[in-house]
Amino acid sequence: MYTLDQLFEQATIDSYSKCLVQKGIVSYICYGFKIVKEKKSDKISILDMTTSGDFYREINKDEYNDFKKLGWKIAIYVLYLSNCRSKLEKLEARINVAIVNNESIKLIRKLKANREQILSNFNKVKIKLN
């Protein structure tokens, strides 16, 4: 089991994580997840930047447990793949609705292109995980 301090340390040495320094905050971003450490209080939190639209959401208790069990990098890959699966399900449903409702070909092509991009990213991360 890893502590939040150990997870933050793993993020600092991870070559894929990008560092952001703001007033009073140091954070690292990787594959849509952001680990944030406040300088004054040393409070550490992890945010999911991919599932809540314009707002970042703090990950839930189960996701924190995944990070603590698996470590920074592997947990990011596992949770990223999970996010991709849910996005693909939503896109598939949207494509089916568009086809049934005889919506424009342009919209259907755009949705299919989005699906292909997500599948491509999904496969890249799955290879890294294996």
C-alpha atoms as a PDB file:
ATOM      1  CA  MET A   1       0.000   0.000   0.000  1.00  0.00           C
ATOM      2  CA  TYR A   2       1.239   3.432  -0.946  1.00  0.00           C
ATOM      3  CA  THR A   3       0.602   6.644   0.952  1.00  0.00           C
ATOM      4  CA  LEU A   4      -0.439   9.875  -0.751  1.00  0.00           C
ATOM      5  CA  ASP A   5       3.075  11.247  -0.134  1.00  0.00           C
ATOM      6  CA  GLN A   6       4.583   8.243  -1.904  1.00  0.00           C
ATOM      7  CA  LEU A   7       2.137   8.655  -4.803  1.00  0.00           C
ATOM      8  CA  PHE A   8       3.122  12.317  -5.115  1.00  0.00           C
ATOM      9  CA  GLU A   9       6.796  11.328  -5.097  1.00  0.00           C
ATOM     10  CA  GLN A  10       6.124   8.744  -7.838  1.00  0.00           C
ATOM     11  CA  ALA A  11       4.446  11.455  -9.905  1.00  0.00           C
ATOM     12  CA  THR A  12       7.478  13.731  -9.530  1.00  0.00           C
ATOM     13  CA  ILE A  13       9.838  11.141 -10.991  1.00  0.00           C
ATOM     14  CA  ASP A  14       7.439   9.915 -13.697  1.00  0.00           C
ATOM     15  CA  SER A  15       8.667  11.085 -17.102  1.00  0.00           C
ATOM     16  CA  TYR A  16       5.116  11.255 -18.520  1.00  0.00           C
ATOM     17  CA  SER A  17       3.791  13.471 -15.717  1.00  0.00           C
ATOM     18  CA  LYS A  18       3.894  17.189 -16.413  1.00  0.00           C
ATOM     19  CA  CYS A  19       4.618  19.567 -13.545  1.00  0.00           C
ATOM     20  CA  LEU A  20       2.461  22.637 -12.920  1.00  0.00           C
ATOM     21  CA  VAL A  21       3.507  25.146 -10.291  1.00  0.00           C
ATOM     22  CA  GLN A  22       0.938  27.690  -9.174  1.00  0.00           C
ATOM     23  CA  LYS A  23       0.691  30.035  -6.246  1.00  0.00           C
ATOM     24  CA  GLY A  24       0.835  27.772  -3.203  1.00  0.00           C
ATOM     25  CA  ILE A  25       0.257  24.576  -5.190  1.00  0.00           C
ATOM     26  CA  VAL A  26       2.428  22.020  -6.978  1.00  0.00           C
ATOM     27  CA  SER A  27       0.696  19.496  -9.206  1.00  0.00           C
ATOM     28  CA  TYR A  28       1.461  16.811 -11.766  1.00  0.00           C
ATOM     29  CA  ILE A  29      -0.793  15.767 -14.640  1.00  0.00           C
ATOM     30  CA  CYS A  30      -0.784  12.475 -16.505  1.00  0.00           C
ATOM     31  CA  TYR A  31      -3.492  10.944 -18.741  1.00  0.00           C
ATOM     32  CA  GLY A  32      -6.238  13.148 -17.341  1.00  0.00           C
ATOM     33  CA  PHE A  33      -5.373  12.689 -13.677  1.00  0.00           C
ATOM     34  CA  LYS A  34      -3.890  15.449 -11.577  1.00  0.00           C
ATOM     35  CA  ILE A  35      -2.213  15.027  -8.202  1.00  0.00           C
ATOM     36  CA  VAL A  36      -2.158  18.285  -6.239  1.00  0.00           C
ATOM     37  CA  LYS A  37      -0.112  19.192  -3.175  1.00  0.00           C
ATOM     38  CA  GLU A  38      -0.769  22.390  -1.257  1.00  0.00           C
ATOM     39  CA  LYS A  39       2.501  23.899  -0.025  1.00  0.00           C
ATOM     40  CA  LYS A  40       1.226  25.311   3.277  1.00  0.00           C
ATOM     41  CA  SER A  41      -0.848  22.400   4.539  1.00  0.00           C
ATOM     42  CA  ASP A  42       0.875  19.566   2.619  1.00  0.00           C
ATOM     43  CA  LYS A  43      -2.618  18.302   1.736  1.00  0.00           C
ATOM     44  CA  ILE A  44      -2.554  15.986  -1.274  1.00  0.00           C
ATOM     45  CA  SER A  45      -5.546  15.213  -3.471  1.00  0.00           C
ATOM     46  CA  ILE A  46      -6.054  13.505  -6.826  1.00  0.00           C
ATOM     47  CA  LEU A  47      -8.424  14.916  -9.442  1.00  0.00           C
ATOM     48  CA  ASP A  48     -10.006  13.302 -12.483  1.00  0.00           C
ATOM     49  CA  MET A  49     -10.022  15.850 -15.289  1.00  0.00           C
ATOM     50  CA  THR A  50     -11.763  13.745 -17.929  1.00  0.00           C
ATOM     51  CA  THR A  51     -15.193  12.784 -16.645  1.00  0.00           C
ATOM     52  CA  SER A  52     -16.854  15.950 -15.339  1.00  0.00           C
ATOM     53  CA  GLY A  53     -16.801  18.287 -18.319  1.00  0.00           C
ATOM     54  CA  ASP A  54     -15.585  21.766 -17.402  1.00  0.00           C
ATOM     55  CA  PHE A  55     -14.951  20.950 -13.746  1.00  0.00           C
ATOM     56  CA  TYR A  56     -12.375  18.651 -12.229  1.00  0.00           C
ATOM     57  CA  ARG A  57     -13.725  16.110  -9.802  1.00  0.00           C
ATOM     58  CA  GLU A  58     -11.837  14.589  -6.918  1.00  0.00           C
ATOM     59  CA  ILE A  59     -11.604  10.854  -7.348  1.00  0.00           C
ATOM     60  CA  ASN A  60     -13.802   8.691  -5.144  1.00  0.00           C
ATOM     61  CA  LYS A  61     -12.774   6.383  -2.325  1.00  0.00           C
ATOM     62  CA  ASP A  62     -12.506   3.296  -4.555  1.00  0.00           C
ATOM     63  CA  GLU A  63     -10.259   5.146  -6.988  1.00  0.00           C
ATOM     64  CA  TYR A  64      -8.068   6.336  -4.086  1.00  0.00           C
ATOM     65  CA  ASN A  65      -7.802   2.697  -3.014  1.00  0.00           C
ATOM     66  CA  ASP A  66      -6.732   1.757  -6.554  1.00  0.00           C
ATOM     67  CA  PHE A  67      -3.980   4.369  -6.427  1.00  0.00           C
ATOM     68  CA  LYS A  68      -2.851   3.205  -2.996  1.00  0.00           C
ATOM     69  CA  LYS A  69      -2.765  -0.453  -4.095  1.00  0.00           C
ATOM     70  CA  LEU A  70      -1.294  -0.057  -7.580  1.00  0.00           C
ATOM     71  CA  GLY A  71       0.848   3.061  -7.390  1.00  0.00           C
ATOM     72  CA  TRP A  72       0.737   6.217  -9.514  1.00  0.00           C
ATOM     73  CA  LYS A  73       1.497   4.904 -12.998  1.00  0.00           C
ATOM     74  CA  ILE A  74      -0.421   1.613 -13.062  1.00  0.00           C
ATOM     75  CA  ALA A  75      -3.492   3.137 -11.386  1.00  0.00           C
ATOM     76  CA  ILE A  76      -3.536   5.898 -13.984  1.00  0.00           C
ATOM     77  CA  TYR A  77      -3.468   3.338 -16.786  1.00  0.00           C
ATOM     78  CA  VAL A  78      -6.224   1.226 -15.206  1.00  0.00           C
ATOM     79  CA  LEU A  79      -8.495   4.198 -14.499  1.00  0.00           C
ATOM     80  CA  TYR A  80      -7.797   5.770 -17.910  1.00  0.00           C
ATOM     81  CA  LEU A  81      -8.869   2.541 -19.607  1.00  0.00           C
ATOM     82  CA  SER A  82     -12.017   2.512 -17.493  1.00  0.00           C
ATOM     83  CA  ASN A  83     -12.792   6.115 -18.520  1.00  0.00           C
ATOM     84  CA  CYS A  84     -12.236   5.185 -22.181  1.00  0.00           C
ATOM     85  CA  ARG A  85     -14.661   2.270 -21.886  1.00  0.00           C
ATOM     86  CA  SER A  86     -17.389   4.509 -20.486  1.00  0.00           C
ATOM     87  CA  LYS A  87     -16.772   7.116 -23.207  1.00  0.00           C
ATOM     88  CA  LEU A  88     -16.988   4.406 -25.865  1.00  0.00           C
ATOM     89  CA  GLU A  89     -20.293   3.149 -24.454  1.00  0.00           C
ATOM     90  CA  LYS A  90     -21.741   6.672 -24.586  1.00  0.00           C
ATOM     91  CA  LEU A  91     -20.454   7.203 -28.124  1.00  0.00           C
ATOM     92  CA  GLU A  92     -21.876   3.891 -29.320  1.00  0.00           C
ATOM     93  CA  ALA A  93     -25.274   4.824 -27.923  1.00  0.00           C
ATOM     94  CA  ARG A  94     -25.059   8.271 -29.545  1.00  0.00           C
ATOM     95  CA  ILE A  95     -24.074   6.748 -32.912  1.00  0.00           C
ATOM     96  CA  ASN A  96     -27.006   4.320 -32.765  1.00  0.00           C
ATOM     97  CA  VAL A  97     -29.427   7.146 -31.970  1.00  0.00           C
ATOM     98  CA  ALA A  98     -28.016   9.225 -34.827  1.00  0.00           C
ATOM     99  CA  ILE A  99     -28.432   6.365 -37.297  1.00  0.00           C
ATOM    100  CA  VAL A 100     -31.981   5.547 -36.146  1.00  0.00           C
ATOM    101  CA  ASN A 101     -33.014   9.214 -36.310  1.00  0.00           C
ATOM    102  CA  ASN A 102     -31.500   9.666 -39.788  1.00  0.00           C
ATOM    103  CA  GLU A 103     -29.247  12.478 -38.622  1.00  0.00           C
ATOM    104  CA  SER A 104     -26.699  14.005 -40.971  1.00  0.00           C
ATOM    105  CA  ILE A 105     -23.920  11.879 -42.401  1.00  0.00           C
ATOM    106  CA  LYS A 106     -21.462  14.551 -41.291  1.00  0.00           C
ATOM    107  CA  LEU A 107     -22.472  14.101 -37.623  1.00  0.00           C
ATOM    108  CA  ILE A 108     -22.270  10.314 -37.844  1.00  0.00           C
ATOM    109  CA  ARG A 109     -18.791  10.517 -39.408  1.00  0.00           C
ATOM    110  CA  LYS A 110     -17.682  12.892 -36.661  1.00  0.00           C
ATOM    111  CA  LEU A 111     -18.945  10.524 -33.959  1.00  0.00           C
ATOM    112  CA  LYS A 112     -17.216   7.580 -35.612  1.00  0.00           C
ATOM    113  CA  ALA A 113     -13.969   9.566 -35.881  1.00  0.00           C
ATOM    114  CA  ASN A 114     -14.207  10.333 -32.159  1.00  0.00           C
ATOM    115  CA  ARG A 115     -14.725   6.635 -31.487  1.00  0.00           C
ATOM    116  CA  GLU A 116     -11.644   5.742 -33.554  1.00  0.00           C
ATOM    117  CA  GLN A 117      -9.534   8.302 -31.671  1.00  0.00           C
ATOM    118  CA  ILE A 118     -10.622   6.948 -28.297  1.00  0.00           C
ATOM    119  CA  LEU A 119      -9.960   3.368 -29.453  1.00  0.00           C
ATOM    120  CA  SER A 120      -6.502   4.386 -30.651  1.00  0.00           C
ATOM    121  CA  ASN A 121      -5.666   5.981 -27.281  1.00  0.00           C
ATOM    122  CA  PHE A 122      -7.185   3.010 -25.473  1.00  0.00           C
ATOM    123  CA  ASN A 123      -4.970   0.562 -27.371  1.00  0.00           C
ATOM    124  CA  LYS A 124      -1.807   2.622 -26.764  1.00  0.00           C
ATOM    125  CA  VAL A 125      -2.397   2.688 -23.021  1.00  0.00           C
ATOM    126  CA  LYS A 126      -3.384  -1.001 -22.916  1.00  0.00           C
ATOM    127  CA  ILE A 127      -0.069  -1.906 -24.566  1.00  0.00           C
ATOM    128  CA  LYS A 128       1.795   0.166 -21.956  1.00  0.00           C
ATOM    129  CA  LEU A 129      -0.116  -1.537 -19.160  1.00  0.00           C
ATOM    130  CA  ASN A 130       0.754  -4.993 -20.462  1.00  0.00           C
END
